[in-house]
Amino acid sequence: MKRTNQCQQNITVPIEKHAFTTFIKQSDIFEKTRAFMWQYLQNWYADSASDFMVCMRADFETVQKTYHFYDSCVAIAKDLERELDYINCWIDIRDAEDSVCCSYRAMYDYDLICFDDTIEK
């Protein structure tokens, strides 16, 4: 049985789901994010190989050759403090045994310009 409350009955999400799916496909956001992810990982390894290896449990070459990278999520976000709307895109990073290692997240403005990225445990 579907549960609803007063709020759910009066408010609909202002995003058309088929249009959002089309946007994800046409924008090629996961491929853009993958390119930024590889640059992030290369820079991190060059800047601090020891920190990289602690978090990733392997060196850069091993990550590159044996790890798995899965498209995970795309979401529209609103930062109320900075009054900023943006798009998040996540790629899950798993080791050779397919155990979760971390997630890479890229943040884009509505022109699909990446303005920040991070690794999340």
PDB file of N, CA and C in Angstrom:
ATOM      1  N   MET A   1       0.840  -1.174   0.000  1.00  0.00           N
ATOM      2  CA  MET A   1       0.000   0.000   0.000  1.00  0.00           C
ATOM      3  C   MET A   1       0.891   1.245   0.000  1.00  0.00           C
ATOM      4  N   LYS A   2       0.622   2.142  -0.901  1.00  0.00           N
ATOM      5  CA  LYS A   2       1.409   3.369  -1.008  1.00  0.00           C
ATOM      6  C   LYS A   2       0.989   4.358   0.074  1.00  0.00           C
ATOM      7  N   ARG A   3       1.981   4.876   0.787  1.00  0.00           N
ATOM      8  CA  ARG A   3       1.705   5.840   1.854  1.00  0.00           C
ATOM      9  C   ARG A   3       1.839   7.245   1.292  1.00  0.00           C
ATOM     10  N   THR A   4       0.898   8.081   1.608  1.00  0.00           N
ATOM     11  CA  THR A   4       0.959   9.484   1.203  1.00  0.00           C
ATOM     12  C   THR A   4       0.636  10.347   2.407  1.00  0.00           C
ATOM     13  N   ASN A   5       1.076  11.578   2.323  1.00  0.00           N
ATOM     14  CA  ASN A   5       0.714  12.537   3.354  1.00  0.00           C
ATOM     15  C   ASN A   5       0.261  13.811   2.661  1.00  0.00           C
ATOM     16  N   GLN A   6      -0.113  14.799   3.427  1.00  0.00           N
ATOM     17  CA  GLN A   6      -0.632  16.053   2.890  1.00  0.00           C
ATOM     18  C   GLN A   6       0.338  16.675   1.888  1.00  0.00           C
ATOM     19  N   CYS A   7       1.605  16.695   2.203  1.00  0.00           N
ATOM     20  CA  CYS A   7       2.609  17.294   1.332  1.00  0.00           C
ATOM     21  C   CYS A   7       2.704  16.549   0.010  1.00  0.00           C
ATOM     22  N   GLN A   8       2.757  15.252   0.060  1.00  0.00           N
ATOM     23  CA  GLN A   8       2.884  14.450  -1.147  1.00  0.00           C
ATOM     24  C   GLN A   8       1.677  14.595  -2.058  1.00  0.00           C
ATOM     25  N   GLN A   9       0.522  14.801  -1.502  1.00  0.00           N
ATOM     26  CA  GLN A   9      -0.679  14.905  -2.312  1.00  0.00           C
ATOM     27  C   GLN A   9      -0.772  16.244  -3.037  1.00  0.00           C
ATOM     28  N   ASN A  10      -0.135  17.274  -2.528  1.00  0.00           N
ATOM     29  CA  ASN A  10      -0.282  18.613  -3.088  1.00  0.00           C
ATOM     30  C   ASN A  10       0.905  19.089  -3.910  1.00  0.00           C
ATOM     31  N   ILE A  11       2.011  18.353  -3.894  1.00  0.00           N
ATOM     32  CA  ILE A  11       3.217  18.811  -4.577  1.00  0.00           C
ATOM     33  C   ILE A  11       3.703  17.735  -5.538  1.00  0.00           C
ATOM     34  N   THR A  12       4.048  18.148  -6.747  1.00  0.00           N
ATOM     35  CA  THR A  12       4.660  17.227  -7.692  1.00  0.00           C
ATOM     36  C   THR A  12       6.057  17.729  -8.000  1.00  0.00           C
ATOM     37  N   VAL A  13       6.930  16.798  -8.297  1.00  0.00           N
ATOM     38  CA  VAL A  13       8.309  17.149  -8.630  1.00  0.00           C
ATOM     39  C   VAL A  13       8.303  17.918  -9.950  1.00  0.00           C
ATOM     40  N   PRO A  14       8.977  19.071 -10.002  1.00  0.00           N
ATOM     41  CA  PRO A  14       8.916  19.910 -11.207  1.00  0.00           C
ATOM     42  C   PRO A  14       9.895  19.486 -12.308  1.00  0.00           C
ATOM     43  N   ILE A  15      10.197  18.190 -12.369  1.00  0.00           N
ATOM     44  CA  ILE A  15      11.130  17.676 -13.367  1.00  0.00           C
ATOM     45  C   ILE A  15      10.446  16.533 -14.104  1.00  0.00           C
ATOM     46  N   GLU A  16      10.432  16.623 -15.409  1.00  0.00           N
ATOM     47  CA  GLU A  16       9.838  15.573 -16.220  1.00  0.00           C
ATOM     48  C   GLU A  16      10.883  14.470 -16.377  1.00  0.00           C
ATOM     49  N   LYS A  17      10.594  13.264 -15.855  1.00  0.00           N
ATOM     50  CA  LYS A  17      11.615  12.220 -15.773  1.00  0.00           C
ATOM     51  C   LYS A  17      12.148  11.773 -17.129  1.00  0.00           C
ATOM     52  N   HIS A  18      11.320  11.749 -18.147  1.00  0.00           N
ATOM     53  CA  HIS A  18      11.815  11.343 -19.464  1.00  0.00           C
ATOM     54  C   HIS A  18      12.755  12.402 -20.043  1.00  0.00           C
ATOM     55  N   ALA A  19      12.464  13.662 -19.785  1.00  0.00           N
ATOM     56  CA  ALA A  19      13.348  14.737 -20.255  1.00  0.00           C
ATOM     57  C   ALA A  19      14.695  14.657 -19.539  1.00  0.00           C
ATOM     58  N   PHE A  20      14.682  14.319 -18.256  1.00  0.00           N
ATOM     59  CA  PHE A  20      15.925  14.207 -17.502  1.00  0.00           C
ATOM     60  C   PHE A  20      16.763  13.036 -18.020  1.00  0.00           C
ATOM     61  N   THR A  21      16.117  11.912 -18.307  1.00  0.00           N
ATOM     62  CA  THR A  21      16.817  10.764 -18.874  1.00  0.00           C
ATOM     63  C   THR A  21      17.424  11.119 -20.230  1.00  0.00           C
ATOM     64  N   THR A  22      16.689  11.833 -21.043  1.00  0.00           N
ATOM     65  CA  THR A  22      17.188  12.276 -22.345  1.00  0.00           C
ATOM     66  C   THR A  22      18.387  13.197 -22.168  1.00  0.00           C
ATOM     67  N   PHE A  23      18.298  14.115 -21.201  1.00  0.00           N
ATOM     68  CA  PHE A  23      19.420  15.015 -20.909  1.00  0.00           C
ATOM     69  C   PHE A  23      20.671  14.218 -20.552  1.00  0.00           C
ATOM     70  N   ILE A  24      20.535  13.219 -19.699  1.00  0.00           N
ATOM     71  CA  ILE A  24      21.686  12.415 -19.267  1.00  0.00           C
ATOM     72  C   ILE A  24      22.341  11.750 -20.474  1.00  0.00           C
ATOM     73  N   LYS A  25      21.527  11.191 -21.355  1.00  0.00           N
ATOM     74  CA  LYS A  25      22.067  10.515 -22.537  1.00  0.00           C
ATOM     75  C   LYS A  25      22.684  11.498 -23.523  1.00  0.00           C
ATOM     76  N   GLN A  26      21.962  12.564 -23.841  1.00  0.00           N
ATOM     77  CA  GLN A  26      22.434  13.501 -24.860  1.00  0.00           C
ATOM     78  C   GLN A  26      23.632  14.328 -24.399  1.00  0.00           C
ATOM     79  N   SER A  27      23.708  14.616 -23.112  1.00  0.00           N
ATOM     80  CA  SER A  27      24.816  15.434 -22.603  1.00  0.00           C
ATOM     81  C   SER A  27      26.104  14.629 -22.479  1.00  0.00           C
ATOM     82  N   ASP A  28      25.981  13.297 -22.477  1.00  0.00           N
ATOM     83  CA  ASP A  28      27.135  12.418 -22.295  1.00  0.00           C
ATOM     84  C   ASP A  28      27.850  12.731 -20.976  1.00  0.00           C
ATOM     85  N   ILE A  29      27.064  13.037 -19.951  1.00  0.00           N
ATOM     86  CA  ILE A  29      27.615  13.497 -18.673  1.00  0.00           C
ATOM     87  C   ILE A  29      28.509  12.456 -18.007  1.00  0.00           C
ATOM     88  N   PHE A  30      28.206  11.176 -18.168  1.00  0.00           N
ATOM     89  CA  PHE A  30      29.067  10.172 -17.537  1.00  0.00           C
ATOM     90  C   PHE A  30      30.434  10.113 -18.208  1.00  0.00           C
ATOM     91  N   GLU A  31      30.489  10.267 -19.510  1.00  0.00           N
ATOM     92  CA  GLU A  31      31.791  10.290 -20.193  1.00  0.00           C
ATOM     93  C   GLU A  31      32.583  11.537 -19.812  1.00  0.00           C
ATOM     94  N   LYS A  32      31.915  12.677 -19.718  1.00  0.00           N
ATOM     95  CA  LYS A  32      32.586  13.906 -19.267  1.00  0.00           C
ATOM     96  C   LYS A  32      33.147  13.697 -17.855  1.00  0.00           C
ATOM     97  N   THR A  33      32.327  13.104 -17.002  1.00  0.00           N
ATOM     98  CA  THR A  33      32.733  12.872 -15.610  1.00  0.00           C
ATOM     99  C   THR A  33      33.900  11.895 -15.545  1.00  0.00           C
ATOM    100  N   ARG A  34      33.877  10.875 -16.366  1.00  0.00           N
ATOM    101  CA  ARG A  34      34.970   9.903 -16.411  1.00  0.00           C
ATOM    102  C   ARG A  34      36.295  10.580 -16.778  1.00  0.00           C
ATOM    103  N   ALA A  35      36.260  11.484 -17.750  1.00  0.00           N
ATOM    104  CA  ALA A  35      37.483  12.201 -18.147  1.00  0.00           C
ATOM    105  C   ALA A  35      38.011  13.046 -16.991  1.00  0.00           C
ATOM    106  N   PHE A  36      37.125  13.746 -16.289  1.00  0.00           N
ATOM    107  CA  PHE A  36      37.547  14.529 -15.119  1.00  0.00           C
ATOM    108  C   PHE A  36      38.057  13.617 -14.003  1.00  0.00           C
ATOM    109  N   MET A  37      37.422  12.462 -13.834  1.00  0.00           N
ATOM    110  CA  MET A  37      37.841  11.511 -12.801  1.00  0.00           C
ATOM    111  C   MET A  37      39.282  11.046 -13.041  1.00  0.00           C
ATOM    112  N   TRP A  38      39.605  10.683 -14.280  1.00  0.00           N
ATOM    113  CA  TRP A  38      40.961  10.216 -14.570  1.00  0.00           C
ATOM    114  C   TRP A  38      41.983  11.311 -14.310  1.00  0.00           C
ATOM    115  N   GLN A  39      41.653  12.541 -14.645  1.00  0.00           N
ATOM    116  CA  GLN A  39      42.562  13.653 -14.374  1.00  0.00           C
ATOM    117  C   GLN A  39      42.733  13.848 -12.866  1.00  0.00           C
ATOM    118  N   TYR A  40      41.635  13.759 -12.130  1.00  0.00           N
ATOM    119  CA  TYR A  40      41.667  13.883 -10.670  1.00  0.00           C
ATOM    120  C   TYR A  40      42.571  12.803 -10.077  1.00  0.00           C
ATOM    121  N   LEU A  41      42.359  11.548 -10.500  1.00  0.00           N
ATOM    122  CA  LEU A  41      43.150  10.441  -9.959  1.00  0.00           C
ATOM    123  C   LEU A  41      44.637  10.589 -10.296  1.00  0.00           C
ATOM    124  N   GLN A  42      44.949  10.981 -11.517  1.00  0.00           N
ATOM    125  CA  GLN A  42      46.348  11.199 -11.910  1.00  0.00           C
ATOM    126  C   GLN A  42      46.987  12.293 -11.064  1.00  0.00           C
ATOM    127  N   ASN A  43      46.287  13.403 -10.894  1.00  0.00           N
ATOM    128  CA  ASN A  43      46.823  14.515 -10.098  1.00  0.00           C
ATOM    129  C   ASN A  43      47.017  14.117  -8.639  1.00  0.00           C
ATOM    130  N   TRP A  44      46.046  13.391  -8.095  1.00  0.00           N
ATOM    131  CA  TRP A  44      46.136  12.948  -6.709  1.00  0.00           C
ATOM    132  C   TRP A  44      47.339  12.032  -6.520  1.00  0.00           C
ATOM    133  N   TYR A  45      47.531  11.092  -7.435  1.00  0.00           N
ATOM    134  CA  TYR A  45      48.663  10.176  -7.329  1.00  0.00           C
ATOM    135  C   TYR A  45      49.988  10.931  -7.466  1.00  0.00           C
ATOM    136  N   ALA A  46      50.046  11.905  -8.375  1.00  0.00           N
ATOM    137  CA  ALA A  46      51.271  12.693  -8.561  1.00  0.00           C
ATOM    138  C   ALA A  46      51.566  13.555  -7.336  1.00  0.00           C
ATOM    139  N   ASP A  47      50.524  14.086  -6.713  1.00  0.00           N
ATOM    140  CA  ASP A  47      50.696  14.965  -5.549  1.00  0.00           C
ATOM    141  C   ASP A  47      50.999  14.204  -4.262  1.00  0.00           C
ATOM    142  N   SER A  48      50.368  13.038  -4.090  1.00  0.00           N
ATOM    143  CA  SER A  48      50.536  12.286  -2.848  1.00  0.00           C
ATOM    144  C   SER A  48      50.249  10.805  -3.077  1.00  0.00           C
ATOM    145  N   ALA A  49      51.231  10.119  -3.623  1.00  0.00           N
ATOM    146  CA  ALA A  49      51.065   8.699  -3.935  1.00  0.00           C
ATOM    147  C   ALA A  49      50.708   7.883  -2.693  1.00  0.00           C
ATOM    148  N   SER A  50      51.287   8.218  -1.559  1.00  0.00           N
ATOM    149  CA  SER A  50      51.007   7.441  -0.344  1.00  0.00           C
ATOM    150  C   SER A  50      49.548   7.597   0.094  1.00  0.00           C
ATOM    151  N   ASP A  51      49.014   8.808   0.077  1.00  0.00           N
ATOM    152  CA  ASP A  51      47.601   9.009   0.429  1.00  0.00           C
ATOM    153  C   ASP A  51      46.689   8.303  -0.577  1.00  0.00           C
ATOM    154  N   PHE A  52      47.036   8.402  -1.847  1.00  0.00           N
ATOM    155  CA  PHE A  52      46.282   7.735  -2.897  1.00  0.00           C
ATOM    156  C   PHE A  52      46.210   6.235  -2.620  1.00  0.00           C
ATOM    157  N   MET A  53      47.356   5.625  -2.326  1.00  0.00           N
ATOM    158  CA  MET A  53      47.410   4.178  -2.129  1.00  0.00           C
ATOM    159  C   MET A  53      46.689   3.739  -0.862  1.00  0.00           C
ATOM    160  N   VAL A  54      46.672   4.573   0.162  1.00  0.00           N
ATOM    161  CA  VAL A  54      45.920   4.232   1.376  1.00  0.00           C
ATOM    162  C   VAL A  54      44.423   4.189   1.061  1.00  0.00           C
ATOM    163  N   CYS A  55      43.936   5.194   0.390  1.00  0.00           N
ATOM    164  CA  CYS A  55      42.506   5.273   0.075  1.00  0.00           C
ATOM    165  C   CYS A  55      42.094   4.263  -0.992  1.00  0.00           C
ATOM    166  N   MET A  56      42.878   4.182  -2.048  1.00  0.00           N
ATOM    167  CA  MET A  56      42.513   3.339  -3.186  1.00  0.00           C
ATOM    168  C   MET A  56      42.960   1.887  -3.035  1.00  0.00           C
ATOM    169  N   ARG A  57      43.848   1.619  -2.071  1.00  0.00           N
ATOM    170  CA  ARG A  57      44.366   0.277  -1.800  1.00  0.00           C
ATOM    171  C   ARG A  57      45.191  -0.289  -2.943  1.00  0.00           C
ATOM    172  N   ALA A  58      45.721   0.612  -3.773  1.00  0.00           N
ATOM    173  CA  ALA A  58      46.564   0.184  -4.903  1.00  0.00           C
ATOM    174  C   ALA A  58      47.233   1.414  -5.496  1.00  0.00           C
ATOM    175  N   ASP A  59      48.259   1.171  -6.308  1.00  0.00           N
ATOM    176  CA  ASP A  59      48.892   2.291  -7.007  1.00  0.00           C
ATOM    177  C   ASP A  59      48.055   2.675  -8.231  1.00  0.00           C
ATOM    178  N   PHE A  60      48.427   3.775  -8.874  1.00  0.00           N
ATOM    179  CA  PHE A  60      47.636   4.303  -9.987  1.00  0.00           C
ATOM    180  C   PHE A  60      47.523   3.299 -11.138  1.00  0.00           C
ATOM    181  N   GLU A  61      48.613   2.653 -11.493  1.00  0.00           N
ATOM    182  CA  GLU A  61      48.600   1.709 -12.606  1.00  0.00           C
ATOM    183  C   GLU A  61      47.644   0.546 -12.339  1.00  0.00           C
ATOM    184  N   THR A  62      47.656   0.041 -11.119  1.00  0.00           N
ATOM    185  CA  THR A  62      46.750  -1.052 -10.758  1.00  0.00           C
ATOM    186  C   THR A  62      45.305  -0.589 -10.815  1.00  0.00           C
ATOM    187  N   VAL A  63      45.042   0.594 -10.300  1.00  0.00           N
ATOM    188  CA  VAL A  63      43.689   1.152 -10.362  1.00  0.00           C
ATOM    189  C   VAL A  63      43.246   1.256 -11.815  1.00  0.00           C
ATOM    190  N   GLN A  64      44.104   1.789 -12.628  1.00  0.00           N
ATOM    191  CA  GLN A  64      43.794   2.010 -14.034  1.00  0.00           C
ATOM    192  C   GLN A  64      43.516   0.689 -14.777  1.00  0.00           C
ATOM    193  N   LYS A  65      44.292  -0.336 -14.469  1.00  0.00           N
ATOM    194  CA  LYS A  65      44.202  -1.598 -15.217  1.00  0.00           C
ATOM    195  C   LYS A  65      43.194  -2.601 -14.662  1.00  0.00           C
ATOM    196  N   THR A  66      42.961  -2.596 -13.352  1.00  0.00           N
ATOM    197  CA  THR A  66      42.149  -3.678 -12.780  1.00  0.00           C
ATOM    198  C   THR A  66      40.876  -3.231 -12.068  1.00  0.00           C
ATOM    199  N   TYR A  67      40.747  -1.953 -11.759  1.00  0.00           N
ATOM    200  CA  TYR A  67      39.560  -1.496 -11.041  1.00  0.00           C
ATOM    201  C   TYR A  67      38.379  -1.326 -11.996  1.00  0.00           C
ATOM    202  N   HIS A  68      37.189  -1.301 -11.417  1.00  0.00           N
ATOM    203  CA  HIS A  68      35.948  -1.161 -12.175  1.00  0.00           C
ATOM    204  C   HIS A  68      35.324   0.200 -11.851  1.00  0.00           C
ATOM    205  N   PHE A  69      34.732   0.813 -12.859  1.00  0.00           N
ATOM    206  CA  PHE A  69      34.165   2.154 -12.720  1.00  0.00           C
ATOM    207  C   PHE A  69      32.736   2.116 -13.238  1.00  0.00           C
ATOM    208  N   TYR A  70      31.787   2.335 -12.319  1.00  0.00           N
ATOM    209  CA  TYR A  70      30.378   2.206 -12.659  1.00  0.00           C
ATOM    210  C   TYR A  70      29.668   3.552 -12.605  1.00  0.00           C
ATOM    211  N   ASP A  71      28.919   3.855 -13.673  1.00  0.00           N
ATOM    212  CA  ASP A  71      28.060   5.029 -13.652  1.00  0.00           C
ATOM    213  C   ASP A  71      27.060   4.821 -12.528  1.00  0.00           C
ATOM    214  N   SER A  72      26.947   5.812 -11.646  1.00  0.00           N
ATOM    215  CA  SER A  72      26.147   5.598 -10.457  1.00  0.00           C
ATOM    216  C   SER A  72      24.897   6.468 -10.392  1.00  0.00           C
ATOM    217  N   CYS A  73      25.069   7.787 -10.512  1.00  0.00           N
ATOM    218  CA  CYS A  73      23.938   8.666 -10.230  1.00  0.00           C
ATOM    219  C   CYS A  73      24.151  10.036 -10.858  1.00  0.00           C
ATOM    220  N   VAL A  74      23.063  10.638 -11.301  1.00  0.00           N
ATOM    221  CA  VAL A  74      23.058  12.039 -11.720  1.00  0.00           C
ATOM    222  C   VAL A  74      21.907  12.684 -10.968  1.00  0.00           C
ATOM    223  N   ALA A  75      22.167  13.837 -10.365  1.00  0.00           N
ATOM    224  CA  ALA A  75      21.127  14.509  -9.587  1.00  0.00           C
ATOM    225  C   ALA A  75      21.259  16.019  -9.704  1.00  0.00           C
ATOM    226  N   ILE A  76      20.124  16.664  -9.658  1.00  0.00           N
ATOM    227  CA  ILE A  76      20.099  18.126  -9.604  1.00  0.00           C
ATOM    228  C   ILE A  76      20.128  18.512  -8.130  1.00  0.00           C
ATOM    229  N   ALA A  77      20.952  19.493  -7.806  1.00  0.00           N
ATOM    230  CA  ALA A  77      21.113  19.903  -6.414  1.00  0.00           C
ATOM    231  C   ALA A  77      20.925  21.409  -6.275  1.00  0.00           C
ATOM    232  N   LYS A  78      20.605  21.812  -5.059  1.00  0.00           N
ATOM    233  CA  LYS A  78      20.463  23.227  -4.749  1.00  0.00           C
ATOM    234  C   LYS A  78      21.201  23.499  -3.447  1.00  0.00           C
ATOM    235  N   ASP A  79      22.181  24.367  -3.513  1.00  0.00           N
ATOM    236  CA  ASP A  79      22.910  24.813  -2.329  1.00  0.00           C
ATOM    237  C   ASP A  79      22.208  26.075  -1.840  1.00  0.00           C
ATOM    238  N   LEU A  80      21.456  25.953  -0.767  1.00  0.00           N
ATOM    239  CA  LEU A  80      20.661  27.079  -0.277  1.00  0.00           C
ATOM    240  C   LEU A  80      21.529  28.202   0.283  1.00  0.00           C
ATOM    241  N   GLU A  81      22.645  27.833   0.880  1.00  0.00           N
ATOM    242  CA  GLU A  81      23.527  28.847   1.457  1.00  0.00           C
ATOM    243  C   GLU A  81      24.147  29.731   0.382  1.00  0.00           C
ATOM    244  N   ARG A  82      24.619  29.099  -0.692  1.00  0.00           N
ATOM    245  CA  ARG A  82      25.263  29.866  -1.770  1.00  0.00           C
ATOM    246  C   ARG A  82      24.297  30.237  -2.898  1.00  0.00           C
ATOM    247  N   GLU A  83      23.033  29.830  -2.745  1.00  0.00           N
ATOM    248  CA  GLU A  83      22.020  30.087  -3.768  1.00  0.00           C
ATOM    249  C   GLU A  83      22.502  29.617  -5.138  1.00  0.00           C
ATOM    250  N   LEU A  84      22.894  28.340  -5.178  1.00  0.00           N
ATOM    251  CA  LEU A  84      23.489  27.772  -6.371  1.00  0.00           C
ATOM    252  C   LEU A  84      22.763  26.495  -6.755  1.00  0.00           C
ATOM    253  N   ASP A  85      22.321  26.424  -8.005  1.00  0.00           N
ATOM    254  CA  ASP A  85      21.764  25.191  -8.549  1.00  0.00           C
ATOM    255  C   ASP A  85      22.852  24.524  -9.370  1.00  0.00           C
ATOM    256  N   TYR A  86      22.958  23.210  -9.281  1.00  0.00           N
ATOM    257  CA  TYR A  86      23.994  22.512 -10.025  1.00  0.00           C
ATOM    258  C   TYR A  86      23.618  21.052 -10.228  1.00  0.00           C
ATOM    259  N   ILE A  87      24.442  20.362 -10.983  1.00  0.00           N
ATOM    260  CA  ILE A  87      24.220  18.954 -11.295  1.00  0.00           C
ATOM    261  C   ILE A  87      25.380  18.142 -10.722  1.00  0.00           C
ATOM    262  N   ASN A  88      25.052  17.093  -9.995  1.00  0.00           N
ATOM    263  CA  ASN A  88      26.035  16.144  -9.477  1.00  0.00           C
ATOM    264  C   ASN A  88      26.057  14.921 -10.365  1.00  0.00           C
ATOM    265  N   CYS A  89      27.244  14.368 -10.571  1.00  0.00           N
ATOM    266  CA  CYS A  89      27.372  13.101 -11.289  1.00  0.00           C
ATOM    267  C   CYS A  89      28.384  12.239 -10.532  1.00  0.00           C
ATOM    268  N   TRP A  90      27.986  11.017 -10.209  1.00  0.00           N
ATOM    269  CA  TRP A  90      28.840  10.107  -9.449  1.00  0.00           C
ATOM    270  C   TRP A  90      29.249   8.904 -10.277  1.00  0.00           C
ATOM    271  N   ILE A  91      30.484   8.481 -10.062  1.00  0.00           N
ATOM    272  CA  ILE A  91      30.982   7.220 -10.610  1.00  0.00           C
ATOM    273  C   ILE A  91      31.538   6.419  -9.433  1.00  0.00           C
ATOM    274  N   ASP A  92      31.032   5.201  -9.258  1.00  0.00           N
ATOM    275  CA  ASP A  92      31.528   4.325  -8.196  1.00  0.00           C
ATOM    276  C   ASP A  92      32.819   3.668  -8.660  1.00  0.00           C
ATOM    277  N   ILE A  93      33.782   3.611  -7.753  1.00  0.00           N
ATOM    278  CA  ILE A  93      35.072   2.994  -8.039  1.00  0.00           C
ATOM    279  C   ILE A  93      35.177   1.745  -7.158  1.00  0.00           C
ATOM    280  N   ARG A  94      35.388   0.599  -7.823  1.00  0.00           N
ATOM    281  CA  ARG A  94      35.482  -0.679  -7.112  1.00  0.00           C
ATOM    282  C   ARG A  94      36.800  -1.351  -7.471  1.00  0.00           C
ATOM    283  N   ASP A  95      37.332  -2.098  -6.519  1.00  0.00           N
ATOM    284  CA  ASP A  95      38.608  -2.767  -6.765  1.00  0.00           C
ATOM    285  C   ASP A  95      38.415  -3.990  -7.660  1.00  0.00           C
ATOM    286  N   ALA A  96      39.493  -4.725  -7.889  1.00  0.00           N
ATOM    287  CA  ALA A  96      39.472  -5.868  -8.808  1.00  0.00           C
ATOM    288  C   ALA A  96      38.490  -6.950  -8.366  1.00  0.00           C
ATOM    289  N   GLU A  97      38.240  -7.049  -7.061  1.00  0.00           N
ATOM    290  CA  GLU A  97      37.278  -8.026  -6.536  1.00  0.00           C
ATOM    291  C   GLU A  97      35.869  -7.456  -6.508  1.00  0.00           C
ATOM    292  N   ASP A  98      35.702  -6.264  -7.019  1.00  0.00           N
ATOM    293  CA  ASP A  98      34.417  -5.556  -7.102  1.00  0.00           C
ATOM    294  C   ASP A  98      33.912  -5.072  -5.743  1.00  0.00           C
ATOM    295  N   SER A  99      34.830  -4.887  -4.787  1.00  0.00           N
ATOM    296  CA  SER A  99      34.471  -4.280  -3.503  1.00  0.00           C
ATOM    297  C   SER A  99      34.514  -2.764  -3.646  1.00  0.00           C
ATOM    298  N   VAL A 100      33.553  -2.102  -3.035  1.00  0.00           N
ATOM    299  CA  VAL A 100      33.486  -0.643  -3.132  1.00  0.00           C
ATOM    300  C   VAL A 100      34.732  -0.025  -2.520  1.00  0.00           C
ATOM    301  N   CYS A 101      35.348   0.856  -3.253  1.00  0.00           N
ATOM    302  CA  CYS A 101      36.523   1.582  -2.785  1.00  0.00           C
ATOM    303  C   CYS A 101      36.114   3.005  -2.412  1.00  0.00           C
ATOM    304  N   CYS A 102      35.486   3.697  -3.355  1.00  0.00           N
ATOM    305  CA  CYS A 102      35.041   5.070  -3.119  1.00  0.00           C
ATOM    306  C   CYS A 102      34.171   5.509  -4.297  1.00  0.00           C
ATOM    307  N   SER A 103      33.705   6.739  -4.229  1.00  0.00           N
ATOM    308  CA  SER A 103      32.942   7.331  -5.329  1.00  0.00           C
ATOM    309  C   SER A 103      33.599   8.634  -5.733  1.00  0.00           C
ATOM    310  N   TYR A 104      33.612   8.872  -7.012  1.00  0.00           N
ATOM    311  CA  TYR A 104      34.072  10.154  -7.546  1.00  0.00           C
ATOM    312  C   TYR A 104      32.826  10.956  -7.873  1.00  0.00           C
ATOM    313  N   ARG A 105      32.830  12.239  -7.469  1.00  0.00           N
ATOM    314  CA  ARG A 105      31.692  13.116  -7.745  1.00  0.00           C
ATOM    315  C   ARG A 105      32.178  14.373  -8.443  1.00  0.00           C
ATOM    316  N   ALA A 106      31.536  14.693  -9.555  1.00  0.00           N
ATOM    317  CA  ALA A 106      31.800  15.943 -10.261  1.00  0.00           C
ATOM    318  C   ALA A 106      30.552  16.811 -10.156  1.00  0.00           C
ATOM    319  N   MET A 107      30.773  18.116  -9.991  1.00  0.00           N
ATOM    320  CA  MET A 107      29.674  19.068  -9.895  1.00  0.00           C
ATOM    321  C   MET A 107      29.736  20.019 -11.082  1.00  0.00           C
ATOM    322  N   TYR A 108      28.602  20.178 -11.760  1.00  0.00           N
ATOM    323  CA  TYR A 108      28.517  20.971 -12.980  1.00  0.00           C
ATOM    324  C   TYR A 108      27.499  22.092 -12.822  1.00  0.00           C
ATOM    325  N   ASP A 109      27.778  23.216 -13.476  1.00  0.00           N
ATOM    326  CA  ASP A 109      26.736  24.228 -13.576  1.00  0.00           C
ATOM    327  C   ASP A 109      25.781  23.803 -14.690  1.00  0.00           C
ATOM    328  N   TYR A 110      24.758  24.604 -14.947  1.00  0.00           N
ATOM    329  CA  TYR A 110      23.761  24.216 -15.942  1.00  0.00           C
ATOM    330  C   TYR A 110      24.267  24.324 -17.375  1.00  0.00           C
ATOM    331  N   ASP A 111      25.480  24.835 -17.576  1.00  0.00           N
ATOM    332  CA  ASP A 111      26.115  24.821 -18.891  1.00  0.00           C
ATOM    333  C   ASP A 111      27.054  23.623 -19.022  1.00  0.00           C
ATOM    334  N   LEU A 112      27.003  22.720 -18.042  1.00  0.00           N
ATOM    335  CA  LEU A 112      27.845  21.518 -17.964  1.00  0.00           C
ATOM    336  C   LEU A 112      29.328  21.846 -17.897  1.00  0.00           C
ATOM    337  N   ILE A 113      29.629  22.894 -17.164  1.00  0.00           N
ATOM    338  CA  ILE A 113      31.014  23.232 -16.873  1.00  0.00           C
ATOM    339  C   ILE A 113      31.304  22.730 -15.460  1.00  0.00           C
ATOM    340  N   CYS A 114      32.284  21.857 -15.365  1.00  0.00           N
ATOM    341  CA  CYS A 114      32.639  21.282 -14.064  1.00  0.00           C
ATOM    342  C   CYS A 114      33.328  22.339 -13.217  1.00  0.00           C
ATOM    343  N   PHE A 115      32.775  22.599 -12.032  1.00  0.00           N
ATOM    344  CA  PHE A 115      33.370  23.614 -11.165  1.00  0.00           C
ATOM    345  C   PHE A 115      33.969  23.027  -9.883  1.00  0.00           C
ATOM    346  N   ASP A 116      33.741  21.739  -9.638  1.00  0.00           N
ATOM    347  CA  ASP A 116      34.342  21.112  -8.456  1.00  0.00           C
ATOM    348  C   ASP A 116      34.226  19.598  -8.609  1.00  0.00           C
ATOM    349  N   ASP A 117      35.113  18.889  -7.933  1.00  0.00           N
ATOM    350  CA  ASP A 117      35.040  17.435  -7.910  1.00  0.00           C
ATOM    351  C   ASP A 117      35.690  16.923  -6.642  1.00  0.00           C
ATOM    352  N   THR A 118      35.347  15.696  -6.285  1.00  0.00           N
ATOM    353  CA  THR A 118      35.835  15.135  -5.038  1.00  0.00           C
ATOM    354  C   THR A 118      35.755  13.607  -5.064  1.00  0.00           C
ATOM    355  N   ILE A 119      36.534  13.008  -4.182  1.00  0.00           N
ATOM    356  CA  ILE A 119      36.434  11.563  -3.916  1.00  0.00           C
ATOM    357  C   ILE A 119      35.758  11.423  -2.562  1.00  0.00           C
ATOM    358  N   GLU A 120      34.787  10.526  -2.496  1.00  0.00           N
ATOM    359  CA  GLU A 120      34.041  10.305  -1.257  1.00  0.00           C
ATOM    360  C   GLU A 120      34.158   8.841  -0.859  1.00  0.00           C
ATOM    361  N   LYS A 121      34.501   8.589   0.385  1.00  0.00           N
ATOM    362  CA  LYS A 121      34.604   7.211   0.896  1.00  0.00           C
ATOM    363  C   LYS A 121      33.242   6.649   1.144  1.00  0.00           C
TER     364      LYS A 121
END
